[in-house]
Amino acid sequence: MAKALQKNLSTKVLSARVPPDVYDAWQNLASSKNISVSECLRDAVTMVDKKAIKKSVLKAEDGIKVPDELKNVIASIGGGSVAGILLYKGIRVTLEKNSNNMNKDEIEAVSVLLALSGALIIGTGIYNVLKP
């Protein structure tokens, strides 16, 4: 899939410095899916999981202009949602592999709470960056 994507689209590289535990979480998640970390991140960021958004909807080719404020709020929610999902998966995989003193319910509770918190913080940050 990665080779097909690279052949069909012009691509650029994204990179970020993350704490070691976040790095380990992504390594574990990618390993559990039997793909590389790069493929795992690309799929998450581009919503490859059959939820890709058509460019024509975003470019207003239908003649309907979406107000900038609405776009900013929606982008914030979307960005926060994606971040929350990624956080949930990464935290859960990491806790399942590294936590010997937590049961499944505790792991689920911690993963959900941290993912929701992260989604809210990141969504708020995206909104603050986008607003004029």
N, C-alpha and C. Protein backbone atom coordinates (compact mmCIF):
# COMPACT_ATOMS: atom_id res chain seq x y z
N MET A 1 0.83 -1.20 0.00
CA MET A 1 0.00 0.00 0.00
C MET A 1 0.87 1.25 0.00
N ALA A 2 1.95 1.25 0.77
CA ALA A 2 2.80 2.43 0.86
C ALA A 2 3.41 2.79 -0.48
N LYS A 3 3.86 1.79 -1.23
CA LYS A 3 4.46 2.05 -2.54
C LYS A 3 3.44 2.61 -3.50
N ALA A 4 2.21 2.08 -3.46
CA ALA A 4 1.15 2.59 -4.33
C ALA A 4 0.84 4.04 -4.00
N LEU A 5 0.81 4.38 -2.71
CA LEU A 5 0.53 5.75 -2.29
C LEU A 5 1.63 6.69 -2.78
N GLN A 6 2.88 6.26 -2.66
CA GLN A 6 4.00 7.10 -3.07
C GLN A 6 4.02 7.31 -4.58
N LYS A 7 3.60 6.31 -5.35
CA LYS A 7 3.60 6.44 -6.81
C LYS A 7 2.50 7.38 -7.29
N ASN A 8 1.36 7.39 -6.60
CA ASN A 8 0.21 8.15 -7.06
C ASN A 8 0.17 9.59 -6.56
N LEU A 9 0.84 9.90 -5.47
CA LEU A 9 0.75 11.22 -4.88
C LEU A 9 2.12 11.83 -4.65
N SER A 10 2.17 13.11 -4.66
CA SER A 10 3.36 13.80 -4.21
C SER A 10 3.33 13.76 -2.69
N THR A 11 4.40 13.33 -2.07
CA THR A 11 4.39 13.20 -0.63
C THR A 11 5.49 14.04 0.01
N LYS A 12 5.32 14.33 1.27
CA LYS A 12 6.30 15.05 2.09
C LYS A 12 6.45 14.29 3.39
N VAL A 13 7.52 14.53 4.10
CA VAL A 13 7.79 13.84 5.35
C VAL A 13 7.38 14.71 6.53
N LEU A 14 6.68 14.11 7.50
CA LEU A 14 6.37 14.74 8.78
C LEU A 14 7.23 14.07 9.83
N SER A 15 7.72 14.85 10.77
CA SER A 15 8.47 14.24 11.87
C SER A 15 8.21 15.02 13.14
N ALA A 16 8.40 14.36 14.26
CA ALA A 16 8.18 15.01 15.55
C ALA A 16 9.03 14.32 16.61
N ARG A 17 9.52 15.10 17.54
CA ARG A 17 10.21 14.53 18.70
C ARG A 17 9.16 14.23 19.75
N VAL A 18 9.22 13.02 20.29
CA VAL A 18 8.25 12.58 21.28
C VAL A 18 8.98 11.93 22.45
N PRO A 19 8.33 11.90 23.62
CA PRO A 19 8.93 11.21 24.77
C PRO A 19 9.11 9.72 24.46
N PRO A 20 10.06 9.07 25.11
CA PRO A 20 10.33 7.65 24.86
C PRO A 20 9.10 6.76 25.01
N ASP A 21 8.22 7.04 25.98
CA ASP A 21 7.04 6.19 26.16
C ASP A 21 6.07 6.31 24.99
N VAL A 22 5.95 7.50 24.40
CA VAL A 22 5.10 7.68 23.23
C VAL A 22 5.70 6.92 22.04
N TYR A 23 7.01 7.03 21.90
CA TYR A 23 7.71 6.30 20.83
C TYR A 23 7.47 4.80 20.98
N ASP A 24 7.62 4.29 22.20
CA ASP A 24 7.41 2.87 22.46
C ASP A 24 5.97 2.46 22.15
N ALA A 25 5.03 3.34 22.49
CA ALA A 25 3.62 3.03 22.23
C ALA A 25 3.37 2.88 20.72
N TRP A 26 3.95 3.77 19.93
CA TRP A 26 3.79 3.68 18.47
C TRP A 26 4.49 2.45 17.92
N GLN A 27 5.66 2.13 18.46
CA GLN A 27 6.36 0.91 18.05
C GLN A 27 5.48 -0.31 18.32
N ASN A 28 4.89 -0.35 19.52
CA ASN A 28 4.04 -1.48 19.89
C ASN A 28 2.80 -1.57 19.01
N LEU A 29 2.17 -0.43 18.74
CA LEU A 29 0.98 -0.42 17.91
C LEU A 29 1.30 -0.89 16.50
N ALA A 30 2.37 -0.37 15.93
CA ALA A 30 2.78 -0.77 14.58
C ALA A 30 3.12 -2.26 14.54
N SER A 31 3.82 -2.71 15.55
CA SER A 31 4.18 -4.13 15.62
C SER A 31 2.93 -5.01 15.71
N SER A 32 1.93 -4.58 16.48
CA SER A 32 0.71 -5.37 16.62
C SER A 32 -0.06 -5.45 15.30
N LYS A 33 0.11 -4.43 14.42
CA LYS A 33 -0.54 -4.43 13.11
C LYS A 33 0.35 -5.03 12.03
N ASN A 34 1.60 -5.37 12.41
CA ASN A 34 2.57 -5.94 11.49
C ASN A 34 2.92 -4.98 10.34
N ILE A 35 3.01 -3.69 10.69
CA ILE A 35 3.42 -2.67 9.71
C ILE A 35 4.47 -1.79 10.36
N SER A 36 5.09 -0.92 9.56
CA SER A 36 6.11 -0.02 10.10
C SER A 36 5.43 1.14 10.85
N VAL A 37 6.20 1.79 11.71
CA VAL A 37 5.68 2.96 12.43
C VAL A 37 5.27 4.03 11.43
N SER A 38 6.07 4.22 10.40
CA SER A 38 5.76 5.21 9.38
C SER A 38 4.40 4.93 8.73
N GLU A 39 4.16 3.66 8.37
CA GLU A 39 2.87 3.31 7.77
C GLU A 39 1.72 3.51 8.76
N CYS A 40 1.96 3.16 10.01
CA CYS A 40 0.94 3.31 11.05
C CYS A 40 0.56 4.79 11.22
N LEU A 41 1.56 5.64 11.32
CA LEU A 41 1.31 7.08 11.46
C LEU A 41 0.64 7.65 10.22
N ARG A 42 1.12 7.26 9.04
CA ARG A 42 0.53 7.76 7.80
C ARG A 42 -0.94 7.38 7.72
N ASP A 43 -1.24 6.12 8.03
CA ASP A 43 -2.63 5.68 7.97
C ASP A 43 -3.50 6.45 8.96
N ALA A 44 -2.98 6.72 10.15
CA ALA A 44 -3.74 7.45 11.16
C ALA A 44 -3.95 8.91 10.75
N VAL A 45 -2.89 9.54 10.28
CA VAL A 45 -2.97 10.96 9.93
C VAL A 45 -3.83 11.20 8.69
N THR A 46 -3.73 10.31 7.71
CA THR A 46 -4.48 10.50 6.47
C THR A 46 -5.83 9.80 6.48
N MET A 47 -6.18 9.17 7.60
CA MET A 47 -7.44 8.46 7.74
C MET A 47 -7.64 7.44 6.63
N VAL A 48 -6.60 6.66 6.34
CA VAL A 48 -6.63 5.66 5.28
C VAL A 48 -7.67 4.58 5.56
N ASP A 49 -8.03 4.39 6.80
CA ASP A 49 -8.96 3.32 7.15
C ASP A 49 -10.35 3.55 6.57
N LYS A 50 -10.43 3.66 5.27
CA LYS A 50 -11.69 3.78 4.52
C LYS A 50 -12.51 5.01 4.91
N LYS A 51 -11.86 6.03 5.45
CA LYS A 51 -12.59 7.23 5.84
C LYS A 51 -11.96 8.47 5.21
N ALA A 52 -11.26 8.30 4.10
CA ALA A 52 -10.60 9.42 3.46
C ALA A 52 -11.64 10.43 2.98
N ILE A 53 -11.31 11.70 3.07
CA ILE A 53 -12.22 12.78 2.69
C ILE A 53 -11.92 13.20 1.26
N LYS A 54 -12.95 13.34 0.44
CA LYS A 54 -12.75 13.77 -0.94
C LYS A 54 -12.32 15.23 -0.96
N LYS A 55 -11.32 15.52 -1.78
CA LYS A 55 -10.81 16.89 -1.86
C LYS A 55 -11.87 17.86 -2.38
N SER A 56 -12.76 17.40 -3.25
CA SER A 56 -13.76 18.31 -3.82
C SER A 56 -14.68 18.88 -2.75
N VAL A 57 -14.95 18.13 -1.69
CA VAL A 57 -15.80 18.63 -0.61
C VAL A 57 -15.09 19.75 0.13
N LEU A 58 -13.78 19.59 0.34
CA LEU A 58 -13.03 20.59 1.08
C LEU A 58 -12.74 21.84 0.26
N LYS A 59 -12.72 21.74 -1.06
CA LYS A 59 -12.37 22.88 -1.90
C LYS A 59 -13.58 23.69 -2.36
N ALA A 60 -14.75 23.39 -1.88
CA ALA A 60 -15.98 24.12 -2.21
C ALA A 60 -16.26 24.14 -3.70
N GLU A 61 -15.98 23.03 -4.39
CA GLU A 61 -16.26 22.95 -5.82
C GLU A 61 -17.76 22.91 -6.10
N ASP A 62 -18.54 22.68 -5.07
CA ASP A 62 -19.99 22.66 -5.24
C ASP A 62 -20.60 24.06 -5.13
N GLY A 63 -19.78 25.09 -4.91
CA GLY A 63 -20.25 26.46 -4.83
C GLY A 63 -20.71 26.90 -3.45
N ILE A 64 -20.66 26.04 -2.48
CA ILE A 64 -21.09 26.37 -1.11
C ILE A 64 -19.87 26.73 -0.29
N LYS A 65 -19.82 27.98 0.18
CA LYS A 65 -18.70 28.43 0.99
C LYS A 65 -19.01 28.17 2.46
N VAL A 66 -18.09 27.51 3.11
CA VAL A 66 -18.22 27.22 4.54
C VAL A 66 -17.52 28.35 5.30
N PRO A 67 -18.18 28.96 6.28
CA PRO A 67 -17.55 30.05 7.04
C PRO A 67 -16.24 29.59 7.69
N ASP A 68 -15.26 30.49 7.71
CA ASP A 68 -13.95 30.16 8.28
C ASP A 68 -14.05 29.72 9.73
N GLU A 69 -14.90 30.37 10.51
CA GLU A 69 -15.03 30.00 11.92
C GLU A 69 -15.51 28.56 12.07
N LEU A 70 -16.48 28.15 11.24
CA LEU A 70 -16.97 26.78 11.27
C LEU A 70 -15.87 25.81 10.87
N LYS A 71 -15.10 26.15 9.84
CA LYS A 71 -13.98 25.29 9.42
C LYS A 71 -12.98 25.13 10.56
N ASN A 72 -12.69 26.22 11.27
CA ASN A 72 -11.74 26.16 12.38
C ASN A 72 -12.24 25.25 13.50
N VAL A 73 -13.51 25.39 13.84
CA VAL A 73 -14.08 24.55 14.91
C VAL A 73 -14.07 23.08 14.48
N ILE A 74 -14.48 22.81 13.25
CA ILE A 74 -14.52 21.43 12.76
C ILE A 74 -13.11 20.85 12.69
N ALA A 75 -12.15 21.64 12.23
CA ALA A 75 -10.77 21.16 12.18
C ALA A 75 -10.25 20.85 13.58
N SER A 76 -10.63 21.68 14.54
CA SER A 76 -10.22 21.45 15.93
C SER A 76 -10.79 20.16 16.46
N ILE A 77 -12.07 19.94 16.20
CA ILE A 77 -12.73 18.71 16.66
C ILE A 77 -12.10 17.50 15.98
N GLY A 78 -11.90 17.62 14.67
CA GLY A 78 -11.31 16.51 13.92
C GLY A 78 -9.90 16.20 14.38
N GLY A 79 -9.09 17.25 14.52
CA GLY A 79 -7.71 17.05 14.98
C GLY A 79 -7.66 16.48 16.38
N GLY A 80 -8.51 17.00 17.25
CA GLY A 80 -8.57 16.48 18.61
C GLY A 80 -9.04 15.04 18.64
N SER A 81 -9.99 14.70 17.77
CA SER A 81 -10.51 13.33 17.69
C SER A 81 -9.44 12.35 17.24
N VAL A 82 -8.73 12.72 16.18
CA VAL A 82 -7.65 11.86 15.68
C VAL A 82 -6.59 11.69 16.76
N ALA A 83 -6.22 12.78 17.41
CA ALA A 83 -5.22 12.70 18.48
C ALA A 83 -5.71 11.81 19.62
N GLY A 84 -6.97 11.96 19.98
CA GLY A 84 -7.54 11.15 21.06
C GLY A 84 -7.52 9.66 20.73
N ILE A 85 -7.86 9.32 19.51
CA ILE A 85 -7.84 7.92 19.09
C ILE A 85 -6.41 7.37 19.13
N LEU A 86 -5.48 8.16 18.61
CA LEU A 86 -4.08 7.72 18.62
C LEU A 86 -3.56 7.57 20.04
N LEU A 87 -3.90 8.53 20.89
CA LEU A 87 -3.49 8.44 22.30
C LEU A 87 -4.08 7.20 22.97
N TYR A 88 -5.37 6.97 22.76
CA TYR A 88 -6.02 5.81 23.36
C TYR A 88 -5.30 4.52 22.96
N LYS A 89 -5.09 4.36 21.67
CA LYS A 89 -4.45 3.13 21.19
C LYS A 89 -3.03 2.98 21.73
N GLY A 90 -2.27 4.06 21.66
CA GLY A 90 -0.89 4.01 22.13
C GLY A 90 -0.80 3.74 23.63
N ILE A 91 -1.62 4.42 24.40
CA ILE A 91 -1.60 4.24 25.86
C ILE A 91 -2.04 2.83 26.22
N ARG A 92 -3.10 2.37 25.58
CA ARG A 92 -3.61 1.03 25.91
C ARG A 92 -2.59 -0.05 25.59
N VAL A 93 -1.99 0.00 24.41
CA VAL A 93 -0.98 -0.99 24.04
C VAL A 93 0.19 -0.95 25.00
N THR A 94 0.64 0.25 25.33
CA THR A 94 1.78 0.40 26.25
C THR A 94 1.45 -0.15 27.63
N LEU A 95 0.28 0.19 28.16
CA LEU A 95 -0.10 -0.31 29.47
C LEU A 95 -0.29 -1.83 29.49
N GLU A 96 -0.87 -2.36 28.43
CA GLU A 96 -1.05 -3.81 28.36
C GLU A 96 0.28 -4.54 28.37
N LYS A 97 1.29 -3.96 27.72
CA LYS A 97 2.60 -4.62 27.65
C LYS A 97 3.46 -4.37 28.88
N ASN A 98 3.30 -3.20 29.50
CA ASN A 98 4.25 -2.80 30.55
C ASN A 98 3.69 -2.74 31.96
N SER A 99 2.39 -2.82 32.13
CA SER A 99 1.81 -2.68 33.47
C SER A 99 1.42 -4.04 34.02
N ASN A 100 2.14 -4.47 35.03
CA ASN A 100 1.85 -5.76 35.65
C ASN A 100 0.85 -5.66 36.79
N ASN A 101 0.65 -4.46 37.31
CA ASN A 101 -0.21 -4.31 38.48
C ASN A 101 -1.57 -3.69 38.17
N MET A 102 -1.95 -3.59 36.88
CA MET A 102 -3.26 -3.05 36.51
C MET A 102 -4.08 -4.13 35.81
N ASN A 103 -5.37 -4.21 36.17
CA ASN A 103 -6.23 -5.16 35.46
C ASN A 103 -6.79 -4.51 34.20
N LYS A 104 -7.52 -5.26 33.40
CA LYS A 104 -8.02 -4.75 32.11
C LYS A 104 -8.95 -3.55 32.28
N ASP A 105 -9.78 -3.56 33.31
CA ASP A 105 -10.70 -2.44 33.54
C ASP A 105 -9.94 -1.16 33.89
N GLU A 106 -8.89 -1.29 34.69
CA GLU A 106 -8.07 -0.12 35.05
C GLU A 106 -7.32 0.40 33.83
N ILE A 107 -6.80 -0.49 33.02
CA ILE A 107 -6.10 -0.08 31.80
C ILE A 107 -7.06 0.66 30.88
N GLU A 108 -8.27 0.13 30.73
CA GLU A 108 -9.28 0.78 29.87
C GLU A 108 -9.64 2.16 30.41
N ALA A 109 -9.85 2.26 31.71
CA ALA A 109 -10.23 3.54 32.32
C ALA A 109 -9.13 4.58 32.14
N VAL A 110 -7.90 4.21 32.41
CA VAL A 110 -6.78 5.15 32.26
C VAL A 110 -6.62 5.55 30.80
N SER A 111 -6.73 4.59 29.88
CA SER A 111 -6.59 4.88 28.45
C SER A 111 -7.67 5.85 27.97
N VAL A 112 -8.90 5.62 28.39
CA VAL A 112 -10.02 6.49 27.97
C VAL A 112 -9.85 7.89 28.55
N LEU A 113 -9.57 8.00 29.84
CA LEU A 113 -9.42 9.32 30.47
C LEU A 113 -8.28 10.12 29.86
N LEU A 114 -7.14 9.49 29.66
CA LEU A 114 -6.00 10.21 29.07
C LEU A 114 -6.26 10.58 27.61
N ALA A 115 -6.93 9.71 26.87
CA ALA A 115 -7.25 10.01 25.47
C ALA A 115 -8.22 11.18 25.37
N LEU A 116 -9.25 11.19 26.23
CA LEU A 116 -10.20 12.31 26.22
C LEU A 116 -9.52 13.62 26.61
N SER A 117 -8.69 13.56 27.62
CA SER A 117 -7.96 14.76 28.05
C SER A 117 -7.06 15.27 26.94
N GLY A 118 -6.33 14.38 26.32
CA GLY A 118 -5.44 14.77 25.23
C GLY A 118 -6.20 15.33 24.05
N ALA A 119 -7.34 14.71 23.71
CA ALA A 119 -8.16 15.19 22.60
C ALA A 119 -8.65 16.61 22.86
N LEU A 120 -9.09 16.87 24.08
CA LEU A 120 -9.56 18.23 24.42
C LEU A 120 -8.43 19.25 24.36
N ILE A 121 -7.29 18.88 24.91
CA ILE A 121 -6.15 19.81 24.92
C ILE A 121 -5.67 20.08 23.49
N ILE A 122 -5.51 19.04 22.71
CA ILE A 122 -5.02 19.21 21.34
C ILE A 122 -6.06 19.94 20.48
N GLY A 123 -7.34 19.58 20.64
CA GLY A 123 -8.39 20.27 19.89
C GLY A 123 -8.44 21.75 20.22
N THR A 124 -8.29 22.09 21.48
CA THR A 124 -8.26 23.49 21.91
C THR A 124 -7.03 24.20 21.32
N GLY A 125 -5.91 23.51 21.34
CA GLY A 125 -4.70 24.09 20.76
C GLY A 125 -4.84 24.35 19.27
N ILE A 126 -5.42 23.40 18.56
CA ILE A 126 -5.64 23.59 17.12
C ILE A 126 -6.56 24.77 16.88
N TYR A 127 -7.63 24.87 17.66
CA TYR A 127 -8.56 25.98 17.50
C TYR A 127 -7.88 27.32 17.73
N ASN A 128 -7.06 27.39 18.79
CA ASN A 128 -6.35 28.64 19.10
C ASN A 128 -5.36 29.03 18.02
N VAL A 129 -4.76 28.05 17.38
CA VAL A 129 -3.82 28.33 16.28
C VAL A 129 -4.58 28.81 15.04
N LEU A 130 -5.74 28.24 14.78
CA LEU A 130 -6.49 28.55 13.56
C LEU A 130 -7.28 29.85 13.63
N LYS A 131 -7.73 30.23 14.84
CA LYS A 131 -8.58 31.41 14.90
C LYS A 131 -7.76 32.67 14.59
N PRO A 132 -8.44 33.63 13.97
CA PRO A 132 -7.71 34.85 13.55
C PRO A 132 -7.27 35.71 14.72
